[in-house]
C-alpha atoms as a PDB file:
ATOM      1  CA  MET A   1     274.326  60.653 156.199  1.00  0.00           C
ATOM      2  CA  ALA A   2     277.743  61.863 155.238  1.00  0.00           C
ATOM      3  CA  GLU A   3     280.873  60.306 156.636  1.00  0.00           C
ATOM      4  CA  ILE A   4     283.478  62.692 157.998  1.00  0.00           C
ATOM      5  CA  LYS A   5     286.945  62.509 159.460  1.00  0.00           C
ATOM      6  CA  PRO A   6     286.489  64.280 162.793  1.00  0.00           C
ATOM      7  CA  MET A   7     288.670  67.018 164.160  1.00  0.00           C
ATOM      8  CA  ALA A   8     289.782  66.551 167.770  1.00  0.00           C
ATOM      9  CA  LEU A   9     287.097  69.031 168.786  1.00  0.00           C
ATOM     10  CA  ILE A  10     284.169  66.934 167.526  1.00  0.00           C
ATOM     11  CA  GLU A  11     285.409  63.382 168.136  1.00  0.00           C
ATOM     12  CA  SER A  12     283.154  62.911 171.143  1.00  0.00           C
ATOM     13  CA  MET A  13     280.287  65.126 170.048  1.00  0.00           C
ATOM     14  CA  ARG A  14     276.792  63.760 169.692  1.00  0.00           C
ATOM     15  CA  LYS A  15     273.345  65.170 169.031  1.00  0.00           C
ATOM     16  CA  LYS A  16     273.183  68.898 168.173  1.00  0.00           C
ATOM     17  CA  VAL A  17     275.870  71.509 168.741  1.00  0.00           C
ATOM     18  CA  CYS A  18     273.281  73.936 170.126  1.00  0.00           C
ATOM     19  CA  GLU A  19     269.502  74.204 170.228  1.00  0.00           C
ATOM     20  CA  HIS A  20     269.441  76.398 167.096  1.00  0.00           C
ATOM     21  CA  SER A  21     271.496  74.006 164.996  1.00  0.00           C
ATOM     22  CA  ASP A  22     269.965  71.554 162.534  1.00  0.00           C
ATOM     23  CA  VAL A  23     273.158  69.501 162.137  1.00  0.00           C
ATOM     24  CA  TYR A  24     273.453  66.323 164.191  1.00  0.00           C
ATOM     25  CA  PHE A  25     276.601  64.348 165.041  1.00  0.00           C
ATOM     26  CA  ARG A  26     276.818  60.682 165.989  1.00  0.00           C
ATOM     27  CA  THR A  27     279.853  58.608 166.978  1.00  0.00           C
ATOM     28  CA  ASN A  28     279.747  54.831 166.702  1.00  0.00           C
ATOM     29  CA  LYS A  29     281.247  53.731 170.017  1.00  0.00           C
ATOM     30  CA  ARG A  30     282.640  50.487 168.649  1.00  0.00           C
ATOM     31  CA  THR A  31     284.179  51.665 165.393  1.00  0.00           C
ATOM     32  CA  GLY A  32     284.836  55.312 166.249  1.00  0.00           C
ATOM     33  CA  LYS A  33     283.210  56.510 163.008  1.00  0.00           C
ATOM     34  CA  VAL A  34     281.568  59.908 163.243  1.00  0.00           C
ATOM     35  CA  THR A  35     278.568  60.611 161.035  1.00  0.00           C
ATOM     36  CA  THR A  36     276.645  63.807 160.594  1.00  0.00           C
ATOM     37  CA  GLY A  37     273.226  64.627 159.240  1.00  0.00           C
ATOM     38  CA  LYS A  38     271.001  67.618 158.730  1.00  0.00           C
ATOM     39  CA  LEU A  39     267.294  67.860 159.407  1.00  0.00           C
ATOM     40  CA  CYS A  40     265.709  69.460 156.341  1.00  0.00           C
ATOM     41  CA  ASN A  41     262.081  70.514 156.015  1.00  0.00           C
ATOM     42  CA  PRO A  42     260.611  68.880 159.145  1.00  0.00           C
ATOM     43  CA  SER A  43     256.888  68.167 159.004  1.00  0.00           C
ATOM     44  CA  THR A  44     254.558  70.694 160.605  1.00  0.00           C
ATOM     45  CA  LYS A  45     251.398  68.576 160.157  1.00  0.00           C
ATOM     46  CA  GLU A  46     249.693  66.653 162.928  1.00  0.00           C
ATOM     47  CA  PRO A  47     250.754  62.988 162.939  1.00  0.00           C
ATOM     48  CA  SER A  48     248.402  60.583 161.176  1.00  0.00           C
ATOM     49  CA  GLU A  49     246.614  57.756 162.977  1.00  0.00           C
ATOM     50  CA  ASN A  50     249.125  55.235 161.586  1.00  0.00           C
ATOM     51  CA  GLN A  51     252.041  57.343 162.809  1.00  0.00           C
ATOM     52  CA  VAL A  52     250.520  57.532 166.297  1.00  0.00           C
ATOM     53  CA  LYS A  53     250.021  53.746 166.307  1.00  0.00           C
ATOM     54  CA  ALA A  54     253.608  53.168 165.145  1.00  0.00           C
ATOM     55  CA  LYS A  55     254.929  55.444 167.889  1.00  0.00           C
ATOM     56  CA  ALA A  56     252.886  53.607 170.532  1.00  0.00           C
ATOM     57  CA  ARG A  57     254.141  50.232 169.238  1.00  0.00           C
ATOM     58  CA  PHE A  58     257.740  51.437 169.253  1.00  0.00           C
ATOM     59  CA  THR A  59     257.358  52.660 172.850  1.00  0.00           C
ATOM     60  CA  LYS A  60     256.036  49.270 173.995  1.00  0.00           C
ATOM     61  CA  VAL A  61     258.733  47.298 172.158  1.00  0.00           C
ATOM     62  CA  GLN A  62     261.418  49.634 173.497  1.00  0.00           C
ATOM     63  CA  ALA A  63     260.222  49.095 177.080  1.00  0.00           C
ATOM     64  CA  ALA A  64     260.209  45.315 176.573  1.00  0.00           C
ATOM     65  CA  VAL A  65     263.753  45.319 175.142  1.00  0.00           C
ATOM     66  CA  ARG A  66     264.992  47.497 178.010  1.00  0.00           C
ATOM     67  CA  ALA A  67     263.467  45.011 180.478  1.00  0.00           C
ATOM     68  CA  ILE A  68     265.235  42.100 178.750  1.00  0.00           C
ATOM     69  CA  LEU A  69     268.569  43.915 178.788  1.00  0.00           C
ATOM     70  CA  ALA A  70     268.167  44.942 182.441  1.00  0.00           C
ATOM     71  CA  GLY A  71     267.689  41.323 183.540  1.00  0.00           C
ATOM     72  CA  SER A  72     270.019  38.357 183.453  1.00  0.00           C
ATOM     73  CA  SER A  73     268.114  35.947 181.215  1.00  0.00           C
ATOM     74  CA  GLU A  74     269.503  33.431 178.750  1.00  0.00           C
ATOM     75  CA  GLN A  75     268.059  35.586 175.971  1.00  0.00           C
ATOM     76  CA  LYS A  76     270.192  38.543 177.115  1.00  0.00           C
ATOM     77  CA  THR A  77     273.307  36.351 177.232  1.00  0.00           C
ATOM     78  CA  GLN A  78     272.651  35.203 173.665  1.00  0.00           C
ATOM     79  CA  LEU A  79     272.046  38.778 172.465  1.00  0.00           C
ATOM     80  CA  VAL A  80     275.305  39.979 174.040  1.00  0.00           C
ATOM     81  CA  ALA A  81     277.275  37.179 172.369  1.00  0.00           C
ATOM     82  CA  GLU A  82     275.705  37.903 168.954  1.00  0.00           C
ATOM     83  CA  TYR A  83     276.250  41.648 169.403  1.00  0.00           C
ATOM     84  CA  LYS A  84     279.949  41.213 170.120  1.00  0.00           C
ATOM     85  CA  SER A  85     280.431  39.204 166.918  1.00  0.00           C
ATOM     86  CA  GLN A  86     278.969  41.874 164.611  1.00  0.00           C
ATOM     87  CA  THR A  87     280.039  45.404 163.650  1.00  0.00           C
ATOM     88  CA  LYS A  88     276.937  46.958 162.072  1.00  0.00           C
ATOM     89  CA  TYR A  89     275.283  48.122 165.297  1.00  0.00           C
ATOM     90  CA  GLY A  90     277.113  50.440 167.690  1.00  0.00           C
ATOM     91  CA  SER A  91     275.056  49.673 170.788  1.00  0.00           C
ATOM     92  CA  LEU A  92     273.649  46.546 172.388  1.00  0.00           C
ATOM     93  CA  PHE A  93     270.262  48.246 172.669  1.00  0.00           C
ATOM     94  CA  GLY A  94     270.158  49.050 168.930  1.00  0.00           C
ATOM     95  CA  TYR A  95     271.140  45.492 168.072  1.00  0.00           C
ATOM     96  CA  ALA A  96     268.514  44.068 170.450  1.00  0.00           C
ATOM     97  CA  MET A  97     265.804  46.320 168.958  1.00  0.00           C
ATOM     98  CA  HIS A  98     266.738  45.068 165.484  1.00  0.00           C
ATOM     99  CA  LYS A  99     266.757  41.392 166.502  1.00  0.00           C
ATOM    100  CA  LEU A 100     263.628  41.410 168.683  1.00  0.00           C
ATOM    101  CA  ASN A 101     261.405  43.778 166.692  1.00  0.00           C
ATOM    102  CA  ASP A 102     259.844  40.955 164.623  1.00  0.00           C
ATOM    103  CA  GLN A 103     258.738  39.154 167.805  1.00  0.00           C
ATOM    104  CA  TYR A 104     256.118  41.837 168.539  1.00  0.00           C
ATOM    105  CA  ASP A 105     252.788  42.358 166.763  1.00  0.00           C
ATOM    106  CA  ALA A 106     251.307  45.595 165.412  1.00  0.00           C
ATOM    107  CA  ASN A 107     250.150  46.614 168.913  1.00  0.00           C
ATOM    108  CA  GLY A 108     253.549  46.019 170.470  1.00  0.00           C
ATOM    109  CA  ASP A 109     252.540  42.811 172.234  1.00  0.00           C
ATOM    110  CA  LEU A 110     254.809  39.772 172.280  1.00  0.00           C
ATOM    111  CA  ILE A 111     253.727  37.240 169.650  1.00  0.00           C
ATOM    112  CA  GLY A 112     252.939  33.889 171.217  1.00  0.00           C
ATOM    113  CA  ASP A 113     251.816  35.230 174.603  1.00  0.00           C
END
């Protein structure tokens, strides 16, 4: 992704400009950096079995992380404190997905349960 210095018009833009565009904008909420990317040659094939499994796993892990962040557990408190002390991730959810992803097996189930 290319880094750009945004004009006032696109400082708060995100996703696509319109449905026909293939250029995406993203603003890091913490740092204010705006990045842009272009989707080139998207796949037109049916997803493979491994891709379907990976998507299902991601969906399960995502739901589990959302549940953790919606509650008021000690784990959430720790994640918030760690998130505030770093600058790589622009959202608490993204940071939590990164930190907690290894705690789930290939099926998306919590390891150790």
